[in-house]
Amino acid sequence: MSWRKIGHIYKPDGSRPWGRTHAANPIAEHIRGDLFRIYFSSRDHENRSAIGWIEIDLDNPTHVIRESVEPELLPGEDGFFDDNGCSIGCIVPVGEKRYLYYMGWHLTVRVPWQNQLGLAISDGPGQPFRRHSRFPILPLDESDPYTISYPWVLRENGRFRMWYGSNIAWGKVKEDMRHLIKYAESDDGVHWERKNLVCIDFANAEEYAICKPCVVRDADAYRMWFCSRGERYRIRLATSPDGLTWTRQGAQDAIDVSASGWDSDMIEYPCVFDHKGSRYLLYSGDGYGREGFGIAVWDDG
């Protein structure tokens, strides 16, 4: 069994003022039948990210049926934690509502940026997402003092469980950005308890950016797909019996770049989902999503 690439799905054509370039962090939401809405983060002429979507049918997933004209979420007000953009982490059904967890971008002077996590809520299917607050739901604190990234949230037994990225150090060059994956819990999905628990640590001295977890609970284990960077981003896999203690798996269980084309230099920002007995993987390609995103399926070839 391995991942079989189906193909490239989408890259912005530059016609949307809020989404001139990039399609990063693709997230799947089931609509009905084989129809899925794929949310993603795109960038305007100031390089600020907003969240839009396309719709596809999994019978022909590389054909875009419909595309959002207006974004689901724009950058926040000047001076706030998301004034330079919002990048989607995940969408979680909560009763009739839908919770969209995202990373807010805020540029700084002494270090490149200072990200924190926000929440937007939709009252139901087809209803717009609106910010829960102008302020982050997961702000910086003593356990996460530098910057926080891309959340993935599951609901289990009445609790919300979050895996997210956190810097443990900044430096003068990008290789000093010591960014790994931690864990938090919540009763209501808004107020979070952190215990500074590291789930995915660095595999070696060359690895310096570990981020964008996607966690699936299978019958035999939890599985987390994430991306990490040495020279270039690659997608990795780890497994856990409880979602707290994780073991990395070998490269044969992940997916690599292509020999040529839109995903031949880097591959990152995984989203894994199941439909009708098949497991699919959405991922971004070269240039941190500059070349858009594609899809793969897990099969025996």
C-alpha atoms as a PDB file:
ATOM      1  CA  MET A   1       0.000   0.000   0.000  1.00  0.00           C
ATOM      2  CA  SER A   2       1.190   3.519  -0.795  1.00  0.00           C
ATOM      3  CA  TRP A   3      -0.012   6.952  -1.805  1.00  0.00           C
ATOM      4  CA  ARG A   4      -0.904   7.223  -5.491  1.00  0.00           C
ATOM      5  CA  LYS A   5      -0.977  10.759  -6.818  1.00  0.00           C
ATOM      6  CA  ILE A   6      -4.161  11.527  -8.743  1.00  0.00           C
ATOM      7  CA  GLY A   7      -3.149  14.961  -9.921  1.00  0.00           C
ATOM      8  CA  HIS A   8      -3.066  18.719  -9.556  1.00  0.00           C
ATOM      9  CA  ILE A   9      -6.391  20.331  -8.571  1.00  0.00           C
ATOM     10  CA  TYR A  10      -6.086  24.074  -8.332  1.00  0.00           C
ATOM     11  CA  LYS A  11      -3.884  27.155  -8.619  1.00  0.00           C
ATOM     12  CA  PRO A  12      -5.280  30.734  -8.489  1.00  0.00           C
ATOM     13  CA  ASP A  13      -5.504  32.493 -11.842  1.00  0.00           C
ATOM     14  CA  GLY A  14      -4.897  35.922 -10.289  1.00  0.00           C
ATOM     15  CA  SER A  15      -8.415  37.243 -10.890  1.00  0.00           C
ATOM     16  CA  ARG A  16      -9.427  37.503  -7.212  1.00  0.00           C
ATOM     17  CA  PRO A  17      -8.108  40.643  -5.440  1.00  0.00           C
ATOM     18  CA  TRP A  18      -7.921  38.729  -2.139  1.00  0.00           C
ATOM     19  CA  GLY A  19      -6.349  35.645  -3.758  1.00  0.00           C
ATOM     20  CA  ARG A  20      -3.864  36.639  -6.437  1.00  0.00           C
ATOM     21  CA  THR A  21      -1.374  33.860  -5.722  1.00  0.00           C
ATOM     22  CA  HIS A  22      -0.897  30.642  -3.742  1.00  0.00           C
ATOM     23  CA  ALA A  23      -3.344  27.953  -2.641  1.00  0.00           C
ATOM     24  CA  ALA A  24      -1.957  26.506   0.581  1.00  0.00           C
ATOM     25  CA  ASN A  25      -3.295  24.434   3.492  1.00  0.00           C
ATOM     26  CA  PRO A  26      -6.138  22.649   1.628  1.00  0.00           C
ATOM     27  CA  ILE A  27      -8.840  21.365   4.002  1.00  0.00           C
ATOM     28  CA  ALA A  28     -11.696  19.056   2.918  1.00  0.00           C
ATOM     29  CA  GLU A  29     -15.301  19.460   4.070  1.00  0.00           C
ATOM     30  CA  HIS A  30     -17.923  16.935   2.905  1.00  0.00           C
ATOM     31  CA  ILE A  31     -21.003  18.591   1.387  1.00  0.00           C
ATOM     32  CA  ARG A  32     -23.113  15.677   0.065  1.00  0.00           C
ATOM     33  CA  GLY A  33     -22.614  12.549  -2.004  1.00  0.00           C
ATOM     34  CA  ASP A  34     -19.156  12.755  -3.562  1.00  0.00           C
ATOM     35  CA  LEU A  35     -19.105  16.565  -3.414  1.00  0.00           C
ATOM     36  CA  PHE A  36     -16.433  18.192  -1.243  1.00  0.00           C
ATOM     37  CA  ARG A  37     -15.597  21.808  -0.546  1.00  0.00           C
ATOM     38  CA  ILE A  38     -11.849  22.403  -0.295  1.00  0.00           C
ATOM     39  CA  TYR A  39     -10.858  25.444   1.759  1.00  0.00           C
ATOM     40  CA  PHE A  40      -7.411  26.955   1.306  1.00  0.00           C
ATOM     41  CA  SER A  41      -5.304  30.027   2.072  1.00  0.00           C
ATOM     42  CA  SER A  42      -4.477  32.414  -0.760  1.00  0.00           C
ATOM     43  CA  ARG A  43      -2.545  35.713  -0.928  1.00  0.00           C
ATOM     44  CA  ASP A  44      -3.270  39.246  -2.141  1.00  0.00           C
ATOM     45  CA  HIS A  45      -0.881  41.776  -3.717  1.00  0.00           C
ATOM     46  CA  GLU A  46       0.494  42.621  -0.245  1.00  0.00           C
ATOM     47  CA  ASN A  47       1.207  38.926   0.436  1.00  0.00           C
ATOM     48  CA  ARG A  48      -1.568  38.801   3.078  1.00  0.00           C
ATOM     49  CA  SER A  49      -3.485  35.534   3.252  1.00  0.00           C
ATOM     50  CA  ALA A  50      -7.262  35.066   3.144  1.00  0.00           C
ATOM     51  CA  ILE A  51      -9.367  31.886   3.150  1.00  0.00           C
ATOM     52  CA  GLY A  52     -11.359  30.824   0.094  1.00  0.00           C
ATOM     53  CA  TRP A  53     -12.670  27.548  -1.349  1.00  0.00           C
ATOM     54  CA  ILE A  54     -13.381  25.440  -4.401  1.00  0.00           C
ATOM     55  CA  GLU A  55     -15.737  22.476  -4.842  1.00  0.00           C
ATOM     56  CA  ILE A  56     -14.849  19.132  -6.418  1.00  0.00           C
ATOM     57  CA  ASP A  57     -16.478  15.746  -7.010  1.00  0.00           C
ATOM     58  CA  LEU A  58     -14.245  12.872  -5.889  1.00  0.00           C
ATOM     59  CA  ASP A  59     -15.276  10.917  -8.998  1.00  0.00           C
ATOM     60  CA  ASN A  60     -13.263  13.511 -10.954  1.00  0.00           C
ATOM     61  CA  PRO A  61     -11.295  15.406  -8.285  1.00  0.00           C
ATOM     62  CA  THR A  62      -8.981  17.401 -10.558  1.00  0.00           C
ATOM     63  CA  HIS A  63     -11.959  19.209 -12.127  1.00  0.00           C
ATOM     64  CA  VAL A  64     -13.074  22.327 -10.232  1.00  0.00           C
ATOM     65  CA  ILE A  65     -16.877  22.605 -10.207  1.00  0.00           C
ATOM     66  CA  ARG A  66     -17.219  25.921  -8.403  1.00  0.00           C
ATOM     67  CA  GLU A  67     -14.967  28.553  -6.841  1.00  0.00           C
ATOM     68  CA  SER A  68     -15.665  31.172  -4.179  1.00  0.00           C
ATOM     69  CA  VAL A  69     -16.002  34.691  -5.525  1.00  0.00           C
ATOM     70  CA  GLU A  70     -15.612  36.263  -2.085  1.00  0.00           C
ATOM     71  CA  PRO A  71     -13.363  34.920   0.706  1.00  0.00           C
ATOM     72  CA  GLU A  72     -14.658  33.139   3.778  1.00  0.00           C
ATOM     73  CA  LEU A  73     -12.253  35.093   5.965  1.00  0.00           C
ATOM     74  CA  LEU A  74     -10.133  38.177   5.272  1.00  0.00           C
ATOM     75  CA  PRO A  75      -7.185  39.526   7.297  1.00  0.00           C
ATOM     76  CA  GLY A  76      -8.115  41.218  10.562  1.00  0.00           C
ATOM     77  CA  GLU A  77      -8.000  44.878  11.523  1.00  0.00           C
ATOM     78  CA  ASP A  78      -4.695  46.726  11.500  1.00  0.00           C
ATOM     79  CA  GLY A  79      -2.762  46.195  14.699  1.00  0.00           C
ATOM     80  CA  PHE A  80      -4.463  42.925  15.630  1.00  0.00           C
ATOM     81  CA  PHE A  81      -2.962  39.431  15.686  1.00  0.00           C
ATOM     82  CA  ASP A  82      -4.257  38.540  12.192  1.00  0.00           C
ATOM     83  CA  ASP A  83      -3.792  41.869  10.372  1.00  0.00           C
ATOM     84  CA  ASN A  84      -1.339  40.352   7.885  1.00  0.00           C
ATOM     85  CA  GLY A  85      -3.431  37.329   7.061  1.00  0.00           C
ATOM     86  CA  CYS A  86      -5.283  34.255   8.218  1.00  0.00           C
ATOM     87  CA  SER A  87      -4.265  30.710   7.242  1.00  0.00           C
ATOM     88  CA  ILE A  88      -6.730  27.866   7.769  1.00  0.00           C
ATOM     89  CA  GLY A  89      -5.955  25.042  10.185  1.00  0.00           C
ATOM     90  CA  CYS A  90      -9.130  22.931  10.280  1.00  0.00           C
ATOM     91  CA  ILE A  91     -12.942  22.932  10.393  1.00  0.00           C
ATOM     92  CA  VAL A  92     -14.752  21.086  13.202  1.00  0.00           C
ATOM     93  CA  PRO A  93     -18.537  20.372  13.373  1.00  0.00           C
ATOM     94  CA  VAL A  94     -19.942  21.409  16.770  1.00  0.00           C
ATOM     95  CA  GLY A  95     -23.662  20.575  16.852  1.00  0.00           C
ATOM     96  CA  GLU A  96     -25.221  22.582  14.030  1.00  0.00           C
ATOM     97  CA  LYS A  97     -22.312  25.012  14.071  1.00  0.00           C
ATOM     98  CA  ARG A  98     -18.909  24.757  12.369  1.00  0.00           C
ATOM     99  CA  TYR A  99     -15.726  25.964  14.040  1.00  0.00           C
ATOM    100  CA  LEU A 100     -12.933  27.188  11.747  1.00  0.00           C
ATOM    101  CA  TYR A 101      -9.593  27.319  13.548  1.00  0.00           C
ATOM    102  CA  TYR A 102      -6.952  29.450  11.864  1.00  0.00           C
ATOM    103  CA  MET A 103      -3.514  30.968  12.281  1.00  0.00           C
ATOM    104  CA  GLY A 104      -3.284  34.764  12.313  1.00  0.00           C
ATOM    105  CA  TRP A 105      -0.245  36.462  10.788  1.00  0.00           C
ATOM    106  CA  HIS A 106       1.271  39.518  12.478  1.00  0.00           C
ATOM    107  CA  LEU A 107       4.599  40.869  11.201  1.00  0.00           C
ATOM    108  CA  THR A 108       7.176  42.153  13.656  1.00  0.00           C
ATOM    109  CA  VAL A 109      10.549  43.941  13.585  1.00  0.00           C
ATOM    110  CA  ARG A 110      13.096  41.950  15.573  1.00  0.00           C
ATOM    111  CA  VAL A 111      11.805  38.549  14.403  1.00  0.00           C
ATOM    112  CA  PRO A 112       9.990  37.716  11.144  1.00  0.00           C
ATOM    113  CA  TRP A 113       6.464  37.234  12.539  1.00  0.00           C
ATOM    114  CA  GLN A 114       4.349  36.518  15.594  1.00  0.00           C
ATOM    115  CA  ASN A 115       1.475  34.106  14.902  1.00  0.00           C
ATOM    116  CA  GLN A 116      -1.401  33.208  17.228  1.00  0.00           C
ATOM    117  CA  LEU A 117      -4.548  31.115  16.746  1.00  0.00           C
ATOM    118  CA  GLY A 118      -8.030  32.418  16.050  1.00  0.00           C
ATOM    119  CA  LEU A 119     -11.554  31.042  15.694  1.00  0.00           C
ATOM    120  CA  ALA A 120     -14.371  31.816  13.262  1.00  0.00           C
ATOM    121  CA  ILE A 121     -17.824  30.242  13.662  1.00  0.00           C
ATOM    122  CA  SER A 122     -20.536  29.362  11.137  1.00  0.00           C
ATOM    123  CA  ASP A 123     -24.115  28.870  12.377  1.00  0.00           C
ATOM    124  CA  GLY A 124     -24.622  25.926  10.031  1.00  0.00           C
ATOM    125  CA  PRO A 125     -24.038  24.443   6.553  1.00  0.00           C
ATOM    126  CA  GLY A 126     -23.943  27.177   3.933  1.00  0.00           C
ATOM    127  CA  GLN A 127     -23.728  29.910   6.567  1.00  0.00           C
ATOM    128  CA  PRO A 128     -20.755  32.332   6.579  1.00  0.00           C
ATOM    129  CA  PHE A 129     -17.884  32.146   9.040  1.00  0.00           C
ATOM    130  CA  ARG A 130     -17.584  35.090  11.412  1.00  0.00           C
ATOM    131  CA  ARG A 131     -14.795  35.775  13.883  1.00  0.00           C
ATOM    132  CA  HIS A 132     -15.528  34.645  17.413  1.00  0.00           C
ATOM    133  CA  SER A 133     -13.351  37.514  18.624  1.00  0.00           C
ATOM    134  CA  ARG A 134     -10.859  40.052  17.332  1.00  0.00           C
ATOM    135  CA  PHE A 135      -8.406  38.452  19.752  1.00  0.00           C
ATOM    136  CA  PRO A 136      -6.755  35.005  19.617  1.00  0.00           C
ATOM    137  CA  ILE A 137      -8.221  31.984  21.398  1.00  0.00           C
ATOM    138  CA  LEU A 138      -4.703  30.556  21.797  1.00  0.00           C
ATOM    139  CA  PRO A 139      -2.425  33.515  22.562  1.00  0.00           C
ATOM    140  CA  LEU A 140       1.265  33.509  23.344  1.00  0.00           C
ATOM    141  CA  ASP A 141       2.195  32.667  26.932  1.00  0.00           C
ATOM    142  CA  GLU A 142       5.063  31.213  28.963  1.00  0.00           C
ATOM    143  CA  SER A 143       4.708  27.773  27.354  1.00  0.00           C
ATOM    144  CA  ASP A 144       4.420  29.221  23.812  1.00  0.00           C
ATOM    145  CA  PRO A 145       6.218  32.586  23.985  1.00  0.00           C
ATOM    146  CA  TYR A 146       7.356  33.151  20.390  1.00  0.00           C
ATOM    147  CA  THR A 147       4.851  32.108  17.733  1.00  0.00           C
ATOM    148  CA  ILE A 148       2.099  29.488  17.285  1.00  0.00           C
ATOM    149  CA  SER A 149       0.947  27.850  14.054  1.00  0.00           C
ATOM    150  CA  TYR A 150      -1.655  25.726  12.246  1.00  0.00           C
ATOM    151  CA  PRO A 151      -4.058  23.989  14.666  1.00  0.00           C
ATOM    152  CA  TRP A 152      -5.741  20.620  14.110  1.00  0.00           C
ATOM    153  CA  VAL A 153      -8.685  19.852  16.408  1.00  0.00           C
ATOM    154  CA  LEU A 154     -10.646  16.651  17.113  1.00  0.00           C
ATOM    155  CA  ARG A 155     -13.694  16.243  19.371  1.00  0.00           C
ATOM    156  CA  GLU A 156     -13.587  13.133  21.562  1.00  0.00           C
ATOM    157  CA  ASN A 157     -15.766  12.202  24.545  1.00  0.00           C
ATOM    158  CA  GLY A 158     -16.944  15.744  25.056  1.00  0.00           C
ATOM    159  CA  ARG A 159     -13.431  17.226  24.889  1.00  0.00           C
ATOM    160  CA  PHE A 160     -11.658  19.213  22.208  1.00  0.00           C
ATOM    161  CA  ARG A 161      -8.115  18.033  21.471  1.00  0.00           C
ATOM    162  CA  MET A 162      -5.682  20.277  19.606  1.00  0.00           C
ATOM    163  CA  TRP A 163      -2.290  19.645  18.017  1.00  0.00           C
ATOM    164  CA  TYR A 164      -0.483  22.823  16.970  1.00  0.00           C
ATOM    165  CA  GLY A 165       2.927  24.213  16.066  1.00  0.00           C
ATOM    166  CA  SER A 166       5.052  26.226  18.484  1.00  0.00           C
ATOM    167  CA  ASN A 167       8.437  27.938  18.312  1.00  0.00           C
ATOM    168  CA  ILE A 168      10.811  27.143  21.137  1.00  0.00           C
ATOM    169  CA  ALA A 169      13.435  29.616  19.832  1.00  0.00           C
ATOM    170  CA  TRP A 170      13.978  32.365  17.261  1.00  0.00           C
ATOM    171  CA  GLY A 171      17.276  33.221  15.625  1.00  0.00           C
ATOM    172  CA  LYS A 172      18.842  35.436  12.995  1.00  0.00           C
ATOM    173  CA  VAL A 173      18.471  32.909  10.151  1.00  0.00           C
ATOM    174  CA  LYS A 174      15.571  30.636   9.222  1.00  0.00           C
ATOM    175  CA  GLU A 175      17.394  27.511  10.405  1.00  0.00           C
ATOM    176  CA  ASP A 176      17.236  28.911  13.941  1.00  0.00           C
ATOM    177  CA  MET A 177      13.421  28.782  13.833  1.00  0.00           C
ATOM    178  CA  ARG A 178      12.996  25.837  16.192  1.00  0.00           C
ATOM    179  CA  HIS A 179       9.344  25.006  15.539  1.00  0.00           C
ATOM    180  CA  LEU A 180       7.713  21.750  16.684  1.00  0.00           C
ATOM    181  CA  ILE A 181       4.262  20.288  17.463  1.00  0.00           C
ATOM    182  CA  LYS A 182       2.555  20.537  20.880  1.00  0.00           C
ATOM    183  CA  TYR A 183      -0.811  19.599  22.415  1.00  0.00           C
ATOM    184  CA  ALA A 184      -3.727  21.353  24.183  1.00  0.00           C
ATOM    185  CA  GLU A 185      -7.238  20.457  25.423  1.00  0.00           C
ATOM    186  CA  SER A 186     -10.515  22.322  25.922  1.00  0.00           C
ATOM    187  CA  ASP A 187     -14.040  21.779  27.250  1.00  0.00           C
ATOM    188  CA  ASP A 188     -15.691  24.218  24.866  1.00  0.00           C
ATOM    189  CA  GLY A 189     -13.277  24.660  21.929  1.00  0.00           C
ATOM    190  CA  VAL A 190     -12.631  28.279  22.914  1.00  0.00           C
ATOM    191  CA  HIS A 191     -10.715  28.215  26.205  1.00  0.00           C
ATOM    192  CA  TRP A 192      -7.644  25.976  26.097  1.00  0.00           C
ATOM    193  CA  GLU A 193      -5.427  24.281  28.665  1.00  0.00           C
ATOM    194  CA  ARG A 194      -1.766  23.811  27.776  1.00  0.00           C
ATOM    195  CA  LYS A 195       0.796  21.688  29.629  1.00  0.00           C
ATOM    196  CA  ASN A 196       3.758  22.360  27.324  1.00  0.00           C
ATOM    197  CA  LEU A 197       3.545  18.786  26.009  1.00  0.00           C
ATOM    198  CA  VAL A 198       5.720  18.191  22.919  1.00  0.00           C
ATOM    199  CA  CYS A 199       4.232  15.598  20.562  1.00  0.00           C
ATOM    200  CA  ILE A 200       6.654  15.757  17.614  1.00  0.00           C
ATOM    201  CA  ASP A 201      10.246  16.792  18.317  1.00  0.00           C
ATOM    202  CA  PHE A 202      13.150  17.263  15.907  1.00  0.00           C
ATOM    203  CA  ALA A 203      14.511  14.135  14.250  1.00  0.00           C
ATOM    204  CA  ASN A 204      17.984  15.637  13.737  1.00  0.00           C
ATOM    205  CA  ALA A 205      19.922  18.896  13.800  1.00  0.00           C
ATOM    206  CA  GLU A 206      18.964  19.745  10.198  1.00  0.00           C
ATOM    207  CA  GLU A 207      15.219  19.656  10.832  1.00  0.00           C
ATOM    208  CA  TYR A 208      14.010  23.061  12.023  1.00  0.00           C
ATOM    209  CA  ALA A 209      10.349  23.596  11.064  1.00  0.00           C
ATOM    210  CA  ILE A 210       7.709  20.983  11.984  1.00  0.00           C
ATOM    211  CA  CYS A 211       4.138  22.107  11.394  1.00  0.00           C
ATOM    212  CA  LYS A 212       0.619  21.649   9.976  1.00  0.00           C
ATOM    213  CA  PRO A 213      -0.502  18.463  11.751  1.00  0.00           C
ATOM    214  CA  CYS A 214      -3.485  16.477  10.492  1.00  0.00           C
ATOM    215  CA  VAL A 215      -4.646  13.837  12.984  1.00  0.00           C
ATOM    216  CA  VAL A 216      -6.940  10.892  12.192  1.00  0.00           C
ATOM    217  CA  ARG A 217      -8.140   8.401  14.790  1.00  0.00           C
ATOM    218  CA  ASP A 218      -8.219   4.883  13.318  1.00  0.00           C
ATOM    219  CA  ALA A 219      -9.315   1.703  15.101  1.00  0.00           C
ATOM    220  CA  ASP A 220      -5.731   0.663  15.855  1.00  0.00           C
ATOM    221  CA  ALA A 221      -4.015   4.034  16.456  1.00  0.00           C
ATOM    222  CA  TYR A 222      -3.949   7.763  15.993  1.00  0.00           C
ATOM    223  CA  ARG A 223      -2.135   8.851  12.828  1.00  0.00           C
ATOM    224  CA  MET A 224      -0.634  12.270  12.307  1.00  0.00           C
ATOM    225  CA  TRP A 225       0.531  13.582   8.964  1.00  0.00           C
ATOM    226  CA  PHE A 226       2.620  16.733   9.200  1.00  0.00           C
ATOM    227  CA  CYS A 227       5.329  18.535   7.268  1.00  0.00           C
ATOM    228  CA  SER A 228       8.865  19.404   8.295  1.00  0.00           C
ATOM    229  CA  ARG A 229      11.674  21.315   6.722  1.00  0.00           C
ATOM    230  CA  GLY A 230      15.358  20.811   6.383  1.00  0.00           C
ATOM    231  CA  GLU A 231      16.416  22.020   2.957  1.00  0.00           C
ATOM    232  CA  ARG A 232      12.834  21.695   1.640  1.00  0.00           C
ATOM    233  CA  TYR A 233       9.443  20.765   3.059  1.00  0.00           C
ATOM    234  CA  ARG A 234       8.438  17.089   3.066  1.00  0.00           C
ATOM    235  CA  ILE A 235       5.387  15.278   4.470  1.00  0.00           C
ATOM    236  CA  ARG A 236       5.906  12.880   7.399  1.00  0.00           C
ATOM    237  CA  LEU A 237       3.802  10.387   9.373  1.00  0.00           C
ATOM    238  CA  ALA A 238       3.701   9.513  13.082  1.00  0.00           C
ATOM    239  CA  THR A 239       1.459   7.128  15.063  1.00  0.00           C
ATOM    240  CA  SER A 240       0.246   7.146  18.665  1.00  0.00           C
ATOM    241  CA  PRO A 241      -1.844   4.929  20.969  1.00  0.00           C
ATOM    242  CA  ASP A 242      -3.380   7.924  22.777  1.00  0.00           C
ATOM    243  CA  GLY A 243      -2.681  11.103  20.776  1.00  0.00           C
ATOM    244  CA  LEU A 244      -0.045  12.181  23.291  1.00  0.00           C
ATOM    245  CA  THR A 245       3.003   9.963  22.754  1.00  0.00           C
ATOM    246  CA  TRP A 246       4.016   9.713  19.119  1.00  0.00           C
ATOM    247  CA  THR A 247       6.395   7.527  17.078  1.00  0.00           C
ATOM    248  CA  ARG A 248       7.593   8.599  13.661  1.00  0.00           C
ATOM    249  CA  GLN A 249       7.112   6.137  10.815  1.00  0.00           C
ATOM    250  CA  GLY A 250       9.379   5.511   7.841  1.00  0.00           C
ATOM    251  CA  ALA A 251       9.414   7.323   4.541  1.00  0.00           C
ATOM    252  CA  GLN A 252       7.504   4.470   2.883  1.00  0.00           C
ATOM    253  CA  ASP A 253       4.382   5.535   4.798  1.00  0.00           C
ATOM    254  CA  ALA A 254       4.575   9.170   3.667  1.00  0.00           C
ATOM    255  CA  ILE A 255       4.622  10.749   0.209  1.00  0.00           C
ATOM    256  CA  ASP A 256       7.454  12.410  -1.690  1.00  0.00           C
ATOM    257  CA  VAL A 257       7.957  15.003  -4.410  1.00  0.00           C
ATOM    258  CA  SER A 258       7.417  14.181  -8.089  1.00  0.00           C
ATOM    259  CA  ALA A 259      10.232  13.896 -10.613  1.00  0.00           C
ATOM    260  CA  SER A 260       8.997  17.041 -12.371  1.00  0.00           C
ATOM    261  CA  GLY A 261       6.155  19.496 -12.362  1.00  0.00           C
ATOM    262  CA  TRP A 262       4.245  21.527  -9.790  1.00  0.00           C
ATOM    263  CA  ASP A 263       5.265  19.399  -6.757  1.00  0.00           C
ATOM    264  CA  SER A 264       8.836  18.444  -7.695  1.00  0.00           C
ATOM    265  CA  ASP A 265      10.658  20.779  -5.271  1.00  0.00           C
ATOM    266  CA  MET A 266       8.601  20.611  -2.087  1.00  0.00           C
ATOM    267  CA  ILE A 267       5.481  18.963  -0.733  1.00  0.00           C
ATOM    268  CA  GLU A 268       3.690  20.179   2.417  1.00  0.00           C
ATOM    269  CA  TYR A 269       0.492  21.064   4.366  1.00  0.00           C
ATOM    270  CA  PRO A 270      -1.243  17.649   4.385  1.00  0.00           C
ATOM    271  CA  CYS A 271      -4.954  17.030   4.949  1.00  0.00           C
ATOM    272  CA  VAL A 272      -6.059  13.386   5.145  1.00  0.00           C
ATOM    273  CA  PHE A 273      -9.743  12.378   4.980  1.00  0.00           C
ATOM    274  CA  ASP A 274     -11.804   9.242   4.303  1.00  0.00           C
ATOM    275  CA  HIS A 275     -14.727   8.753   1.934  1.00  0.00           C
ATOM    276  CA  LYS A 276     -16.563   5.572   0.901  1.00  0.00           C
ATOM    277  CA  GLY A 277     -13.811   3.280   2.140  1.00  0.00           C
ATOM    278  CA  SER A 278     -10.943   5.204   0.529  1.00  0.00           C
ATOM    279  CA  ARG A 279      -8.384   7.484   2.158  1.00  0.00           C
ATOM    280  CA  TYR A 280      -7.373  10.697   0.402  1.00  0.00           C
ATOM    281  CA  LEU A 281      -4.556  13.199   0.903  1.00  0.00           C
ATOM    282  CA  LEU A 282      -4.677  16.854  -0.094  1.00  0.00           C
ATOM    283  CA  TYR A 283      -1.321  18.647  -0.166  1.00  0.00           C
ATOM    284  CA  SER A 284       0.373  21.803  -1.450  1.00  0.00           C
ATOM    285  CA  GLY A 285       3.315  21.893  -3.819  1.00  0.00           C
ATOM    286  CA  ASP A 286       6.238  24.110  -4.755  1.00  0.00           C
ATOM    287  CA  GLY A 287       6.725  27.561  -3.261  1.00  0.00           C
ATOM    288  CA  TYR A 288       4.647  27.002  -0.099  1.00  0.00           C
ATOM    289  CA  GLY A 289       1.531  26.593  -2.219  1.00  0.00           C
ATOM    290  CA  ARG A 290       2.518  29.018  -4.979  1.00  0.00           C
ATOM    291  CA  GLU A 291       1.794  26.212  -7.469  1.00  0.00           C
ATOM    292  CA  GLY A 292      -1.460  25.274  -5.748  1.00  0.00           C
ATOM    293  CA  PHE A 293      -2.538  21.891  -4.381  1.00  0.00           C
ATOM    294  CA  GLY A 294      -3.292  18.365  -5.519  1.00  0.00           C
ATOM    295  CA  ILE A 295      -4.688  15.073  -4.312  1.00  0.00           C
ATOM    296  CA  ALA A 296      -3.511  11.482  -3.749  1.00  0.00           C
ATOM    297  CA  VAL A 297      -5.264   8.261  -2.706  1.00  0.00           C
ATOM    298  CA  TRP A 298      -4.001   5.414  -0.509  1.00  0.00           C
ATOM    299  CA  ASP A 299      -4.128   2.135  -2.456  1.00  0.00           C
ATOM    300  CA  ASP A 300      -2.189  -0.935  -3.505  1.00  0.00           C
ATOM    301  CA  GLY A 301      -1.233   0.444  -6.915  1.00  0.00           C
END
